[in-house]
Amino acid sequence: MPIKLIAMDIDGTLVDVGSRVSEENARAIAEAAARGIEIVLVTGRRFDFARSIADQIPCDLCMINSNGAVVKSKTGESRLTHLMDAGLARRVLEATTEFHGSAAVIFDRPGPRQVIVRRIDLDDPFRGPYLRRNLDFVSAVDPLTDCLAVIGGNGDNPVHISFVGGCQPIRTAKAVLENVPFASEFTLASTEYESRDFAFLDVLRRGVTKGATLAEWAALRGIAREDVMAIGDNFNDREMLEFAGLPVVMGNAIPELKALGWPVTLSNVQNGVAEAIRVYALGNHAIGETPAPLTK
């Protein structure tokens, strides 16, 4: 069956270590779009943080942000939202007070109250680079639970709660949340880069995943799952890959994904996205040198 929609993760998949989309990846995506294939970026990043990546791609596209909680056009028009109830978010924060130094509450709204942290520490080894790049959207509130109060009309429901830090502390936070009495009321999305000792944990509305929202979006667009190709590299991509008729795993992906027997492309620093698109969606090797076949 011809591919009608290509869904791809951003970090560890589409971009290199410098958050750049290579010319080869951008060209392959644009060629797919020119052939009528719908392009969807599916990322854990919130919209404004992902927009600079979308702007590097010379074609129209849709963006599934925050691990499936928000769907927007490339220019920012909201298409779908699955926000977290503020009361539930408060209970999550109350159950994880020891991790508030690593936490952020994310809202879908403009301006500096979009990302709320307890303290803005630009020298933090894990969050400092993110805070510096997103400073225009960040505010500090201590205690963190106060960001869920109605302050100047901004007490709306959050998109999600995010914890960022070293792999082991974030795994500990995950274990805490998996064992709270109300764990069935939310969904956890994990991303780990063990070689860098760097991990994310997002707490979302129940049932919200990259895969669930991609399935919802494909249905709205009238595209069958058999016609969907998905490309990813980490834990939070699994549901998206499981939904797709054609799942493709990055060469730099975590071992847990590679063990599932799906096709494996080249790594993110070897233009693996372009390679997967050439082989599976375009049926040619028109960009650059002829690469080695994808492994099965």
Protein backbone atom coordinates (compact mmCIF):
# COMPACT_ATOMS: atom_id res chain seq x y z
CA MET A 1 0.00 0.00 0.00
CA PRO A 2 1.29 3.51 -0.72
CA ILE A 3 2.27 5.62 2.26
CA LYS A 4 -0.15 8.53 2.77
CA LEU A 5 1.13 9.90 6.08
CA ILE A 6 4.61 10.01 7.60
CA ALA A 7 4.81 10.62 11.35
CA MET A 8 8.24 11.28 12.82
CA ASP A 9 9.69 12.04 16.21
CA ILE A 10 12.04 15.03 16.53
CA ASP A 11 14.79 14.51 19.13
CA GLY A 12 16.97 11.49 18.41
CA THR A 13 15.12 10.99 15.12
CA LEU A 14 14.70 13.98 12.82
CA VAL A 15 17.39 16.28 14.24
CA ASP A 16 21.07 15.85 14.99
CA VAL A 17 22.69 16.52 18.37
CA GLY A 18 22.59 20.26 17.64
CA SER A 19 18.81 20.24 17.01
CA ARG A 20 19.36 20.81 13.30
CA VAL A 21 17.40 19.25 10.46
CA SER A 22 19.91 18.21 7.83
CA GLU A 23 19.47 19.31 4.23
CA GLU A 24 19.08 15.67 3.25
CA ASN A 25 16.28 15.06 5.75
CA ALA A 26 14.51 18.30 4.81
CA ARG A 27 14.76 17.48 1.09
CA ALA A 28 13.36 14.00 1.49
CA ILE A 29 10.46 15.26 3.60
CA ALA A 30 9.68 18.00 1.08
CA GLU A 31 9.74 15.49 -1.77
CA ALA A 32 7.32 13.22 0.09
CA ALA A 33 5.00 16.18 0.72
CA ALA A 34 5.20 17.15 -2.95
CA ARG A 35 3.94 13.67 -3.80
CA GLY A 36 0.87 14.23 -1.61
CA ILE A 37 2.09 12.48 1.54
CA GLU A 38 0.98 14.19 4.74
CA ILE A 39 3.82 15.09 7.13
CA VAL A 40 3.32 15.02 10.90
CA LEU A 41 5.94 15.84 13.54
CA VAL A 42 5.15 13.88 16.72
CA THR A 43 7.17 15.10 19.67
CA GLY A 44 7.41 15.44 23.41
CA ARG A 45 8.29 19.10 22.89
CA ARG A 46 5.63 21.73 23.46
CA PHE A 47 4.63 23.67 20.35
CA ASP A 48 6.79 26.79 20.75
CA PHE A 49 9.87 24.67 21.47
CA ALA A 50 9.22 22.48 18.43
CA ARG A 51 8.35 25.32 16.05
CA SER A 52 11.99 26.13 15.26
CA ILE A 53 12.36 22.55 14.00
CA ALA A 54 9.23 22.74 11.88
CA ASP A 55 10.48 25.97 10.34
CA GLN A 56 13.54 24.11 9.00
CA ILE A 57 11.29 21.92 6.85
CA PRO A 58 10.21 23.54 3.53
CA CYS A 59 6.66 22.21 3.37
CA ASP A 60 3.37 22.33 5.22
CA LEU A 61 2.94 19.92 8.11
CA CYS A 62 1.01 19.17 11.28
CA MET A 63 2.53 18.95 14.75
CA ILE A 64 1.47 16.56 17.52
CA ASN A 65 3.10 18.12 20.56
CA SER A 66 3.62 17.25 24.23
CA ASN A 67 3.47 13.49 23.62
CA GLY A 68 0.00 13.73 22.10
CA ALA A 69 -1.66 16.35 24.32
CA VAL A 70 -1.85 19.13 21.72
CA VAL A 71 -2.14 19.12 17.92
CA LYS A 72 -1.40 22.32 16.01
CA SER A 73 -0.75 23.48 12.49
CA LYS A 74 2.72 24.64 11.56
CA THR A 75 1.64 28.22 12.21
CA GLY A 76 0.11 27.47 15.59
CA GLU A 77 -3.61 26.98 15.04
CA SER A 78 -4.97 24.41 17.49
CA ARG A 79 -6.50 21.30 15.95
CA LEU A 80 -6.91 18.99 18.98
CA THR A 81 -6.26 19.39 22.70
CA HIS A 82 -6.23 16.79 25.48
CA LEU A 83 -5.42 18.82 28.58
CA MET A 84 -4.89 17.53 32.09
CA ASP A 85 -7.44 18.39 34.78
CA ALA A 86 -5.95 20.94 37.18
CA GLY A 87 -7.20 18.99 40.19
CA LEU A 88 -5.41 15.87 39.01
CA ALA A 89 -2.28 17.90 38.30
CA ARG A 90 -2.34 19.19 41.88
CA ARG A 91 -2.54 15.65 43.26
CA VAL A 92 0.41 14.61 41.08
CA LEU A 93 2.48 17.53 42.38
CA GLU A 94 1.49 16.81 45.97
CA ALA A 95 2.64 13.20 45.55
CA THR A 96 6.02 14.23 44.12
CA THR A 97 7.18 17.13 46.31
CA GLU A 98 10.71 15.72 46.58
CA PHE A 99 11.05 16.05 42.80
CA HIS A 100 9.78 19.63 42.40
CA GLY A 101 13.30 20.88 41.73
CA SER A 102 13.18 18.83 38.52
CA ALA A 103 9.56 19.56 37.63
CA ALA A 104 7.79 21.91 35.26
CA VAL A 105 4.08 22.47 34.66
CA ILE A 106 3.33 23.17 31.00
CA PHE A 107 0.36 25.23 29.78
CA ASP A 108 -0.99 25.85 26.27
CA ARG A 109 -0.97 29.65 26.36
CA PRO A 110 1.27 32.44 25.08
CA GLY A 111 3.82 34.35 27.07
CA PRO A 112 6.02 33.78 30.09
CA ARG A 113 3.50 31.70 32.05
CA GLN A 114 3.66 28.82 29.59
CA VAL A 115 6.35 26.87 31.48
CA ILE A 116 6.18 27.08 35.27
CA VAL A 117 9.09 25.90 37.42
CA ARG A 118 9.80 26.31 41.12
CA ARG A 119 13.03 28.16 40.49
CA ILE A 120 14.80 29.35 37.34
CA ASP A 121 18.33 27.98 37.57
CA LEU A 122 20.15 28.62 34.30
CA ASP A 123 23.17 26.67 35.55
CA ASP A 124 21.23 23.48 36.25
CA PRO A 125 23.15 20.70 34.42
CA PHE A 126 19.96 19.12 33.11
CA ARG A 127 17.46 21.95 32.69
CA GLY A 128 19.76 24.94 32.23
CA PRO A 129 20.13 24.64 28.42
CA TYR A 130 16.35 24.26 28.00
CA LEU A 131 15.61 27.20 30.28
CA ARG A 132 18.06 29.45 28.46
CA ARG A 133 16.51 28.60 25.08
CA ASN A 134 12.95 29.08 26.37
CA LEU A 135 13.39 31.91 28.85
CA ASP A 136 10.67 34.06 27.26
CA PHE A 137 8.12 31.38 28.14
CA VAL A 138 9.26 30.52 31.69
CA SER A 139 8.08 31.79 35.06
CA ALA A 140 8.91 30.66 38.60
CA VAL A 141 6.23 29.88 41.19
CA ASP A 142 7.04 28.55 44.67
CA PRO A 143 5.35 26.42 45.83
CA LEU A 144 4.80 24.91 42.43
CA THR A 145 1.20 23.92 43.21
CA ASP A 146 0.30 27.63 43.28
CA CYS A 147 0.55 27.75 39.48
CA LEU A 148 -2.70 25.81 39.39
CA ALA A 149 -4.58 28.56 41.22
CA VAL A 150 -6.51 31.16 39.27
CA ILE A 151 -4.01 34.01 38.99
CA GLY A 152 -4.99 36.80 36.62
CA GLY A 153 -7.22 34.44 34.68
CA ASN A 154 -4.34 32.05 33.96
CA GLY A 155 -5.44 29.17 36.15
CA ASP A 156 -6.39 26.90 33.26
CA ASN A 157 -5.78 23.19 32.93
CA PRO A 158 -2.16 22.28 32.15
CA VAL A 159 -0.96 20.32 29.16
CA HIS A 160 1.23 18.10 31.28
CA ILE A 161 3.72 17.94 34.13
CA SER A 162 7.31 17.19 33.19
CA PHE A 163 10.24 15.91 35.26
CA VAL A 164 13.78 16.23 33.85
CA GLY A 165 17.06 14.97 35.27
CA GLY A 166 19.46 12.05 35.47
CA CYS A 167 18.14 8.64 34.48
CA GLN A 168 18.04 7.12 37.97
CA PRO A 169 16.26 10.00 39.74
CA ILE A 170 13.67 10.16 36.97
CA ARG A 171 13.16 6.40 37.16
CA THR A 172 12.58 6.84 40.89
CA ALA A 173 9.99 9.56 40.21
CA LYS A 174 8.30 7.22 37.74
CA ALA A 175 8.18 4.43 40.32
CA VAL A 176 6.58 6.80 42.83
CA LEU A 177 3.89 7.82 40.36
CA GLU A 178 3.24 4.26 39.23
CA ASN A 179 2.37 3.38 42.82
CA VAL A 180 0.12 6.25 43.89
CA PRO A 181 -3.51 5.21 44.52
CA PHE A 182 -4.73 7.30 41.57
CA ALA A 183 -2.15 6.05 39.03
CA SER A 184 -4.92 4.86 36.72
CA GLU A 185 -6.04 8.47 36.24
CA PHE A 186 -3.01 9.59 34.22
CA THR A 187 -0.53 8.37 31.61
CA LEU A 188 3.27 8.44 31.90
CA ALA A 189 5.57 9.04 28.92
CA SER A 190 9.28 8.25 29.37
CA THR A 191 12.27 9.30 27.31
CA GLU A 192 15.82 8.24 28.21
CA TYR A 193 19.26 8.94 26.80
CA GLU A 194 21.28 6.61 28.99
CA SER A 195 24.62 7.45 27.35
CA ARG A 196 24.09 11.08 28.45
CA ASP A 197 22.46 10.19 31.79
CA PHE A 198 19.52 12.34 30.75
CA ALA A 199 15.82 11.51 31.07
CA PHE A 200 12.32 13.01 30.83
CA LEU A 201 9.08 11.88 32.41
CA ASP A 202 5.80 13.49 31.35
CA VAL A 203 2.53 13.07 33.24
CA LEU A 204 -0.45 13.45 30.92
CA ARG A 205 -4.19 13.06 30.87
CA ARG A 206 -5.24 9.41 30.98
CA GLY A 207 -4.95 7.71 27.61
CA VAL A 208 -2.88 10.42 25.97
CA THR A 209 0.09 9.05 24.02
CA LYS A 210 1.77 9.84 20.73
CA GLY A 211 0.14 6.75 19.27
CA ALA A 212 -3.40 7.48 20.48
CA THR A 213 -3.35 11.02 19.11
CA LEU A 214 -1.75 9.94 15.84
CA ALA A 215 -4.55 7.38 15.45
CA GLU A 216 -7.13 10.09 16.16
CA TRP A 217 -5.53 12.48 13.68
CA ALA A 218 -5.23 9.84 10.94
CA ALA A 219 -8.92 8.96 11.38
CA LEU A 220 -9.89 12.63 11.08
CA ARG A 221 -7.85 12.83 7.88
CA GLY A 222 -9.42 9.65 6.52
CA ILE A 223 -6.11 7.78 6.43
CA ALA A 224 -5.99 4.10 7.38
CA ARG A 225 -3.28 2.90 9.74
CA GLU A 226 -1.94 0.64 6.97
CA ASP A 227 -1.04 3.81 5.05
CA VAL A 228 0.85 5.39 7.97
CA MET A 229 4.62 5.25 8.37
CA ALA A 230 6.12 6.23 11.74
CA ILE A 231 9.77 6.80 12.67
CA GLY A 232 11.06 6.97 16.26
CA ASP A 233 13.83 6.14 18.67
CA ASN A 234 12.67 6.11 22.30
CA PHE A 235 10.20 4.75 24.85
CA ASN A 236 7.61 7.46 24.21
CA ASP A 237 7.54 6.52 20.50
CA ARG A 238 6.44 2.95 21.05
CA GLU A 239 2.66 3.49 20.87
CA MET A 240 3.10 5.57 17.72
CA LEU A 241 5.18 2.82 16.12
CA GLU A 242 2.71 0.15 17.21
CA PHE A 243 -0.15 2.06 15.57
CA ALA A 244 1.60 2.62 12.24
CA GLY A 245 1.23 0.13 9.43
CA LEU A 246 4.93 0.69 8.77
CA PRO A 247 7.01 1.35 11.91
CA VAL A 248 10.67 2.26 11.36
CA VAL A 249 13.20 2.42 14.21
CA MET A 250 16.23 4.69 14.18
CA GLY A 251 19.72 3.18 14.17
CA ASN A 252 20.43 5.03 17.43
CA ALA A 253 17.18 3.84 19.06
CA ILE A 254 17.00 2.28 22.50
CA PRO A 255 17.54 -1.50 22.50
CA GLU A 256 13.97 -2.11 23.64
CA LEU A 257 12.62 -0.78 20.33
CA LYS A 258 15.19 -2.53 18.18
CA ALA A 259 14.26 -5.84 19.82
CA LEU A 260 10.70 -5.66 18.49
CA GLY A 261 11.71 -6.73 14.99
CA TRP A 262 10.70 -3.61 13.08
CA PRO A 263 12.81 -2.22 10.22
CA VAL A 264 15.83 -0.23 11.39
CA THR A 265 17.15 2.76 9.45
CA LEU A 266 20.38 4.70 9.90
CA SER A 267 21.01 6.90 12.95
CA ASN A 268 19.88 10.49 13.38
CA VAL A 269 23.37 11.78 12.57
CA GLN A 270 23.39 9.67 9.38
CA ASN A 271 20.13 11.10 7.98
CA GLY A 272 18.13 8.04 8.95
CA VAL A 273 14.83 9.82 8.36
CA ALA A 274 15.75 10.60 4.75
CA GLU A 275 16.88 7.02 4.24
CA ALA A 276 13.63 5.60 5.56
CA ILE A 277 11.56 7.96 3.42
CA ARG A 278 13.59 7.10 0.30
CA VAL A 279 13.24 3.37 0.76
CA TYR A 280 9.68 3.06 2.02
CA ALA A 281 7.74 6.13 0.89
CA LEU A 282 9.46 7.25 -2.30
CA GLY A 283 10.71 3.92 -3.56
CA ASN A 284 14.03 5.32 -4.73
CA HIS A 285 17.45 6.54 -3.64
CA ALA A 286 17.34 9.91 -5.33
CA ILE A 287 19.07 11.85 -2.57
CA GLY A 288 22.83 11.51 -2.15
CA GLU A 289 24.67 8.22 -2.51
CA THR A 290 22.86 4.91 -2.63
CA PRO A 291 22.72 3.73 1.00
CA ALA A 292 22.85 0.25 2.41
CA PRO A 293 19.46 -1.49 2.68
CA LEU A 294 17.50 -1.11 5.89
CA THR A 295 17.89 -4.05 8.27
CA LYS A 296 14.90 -6.09 9.26
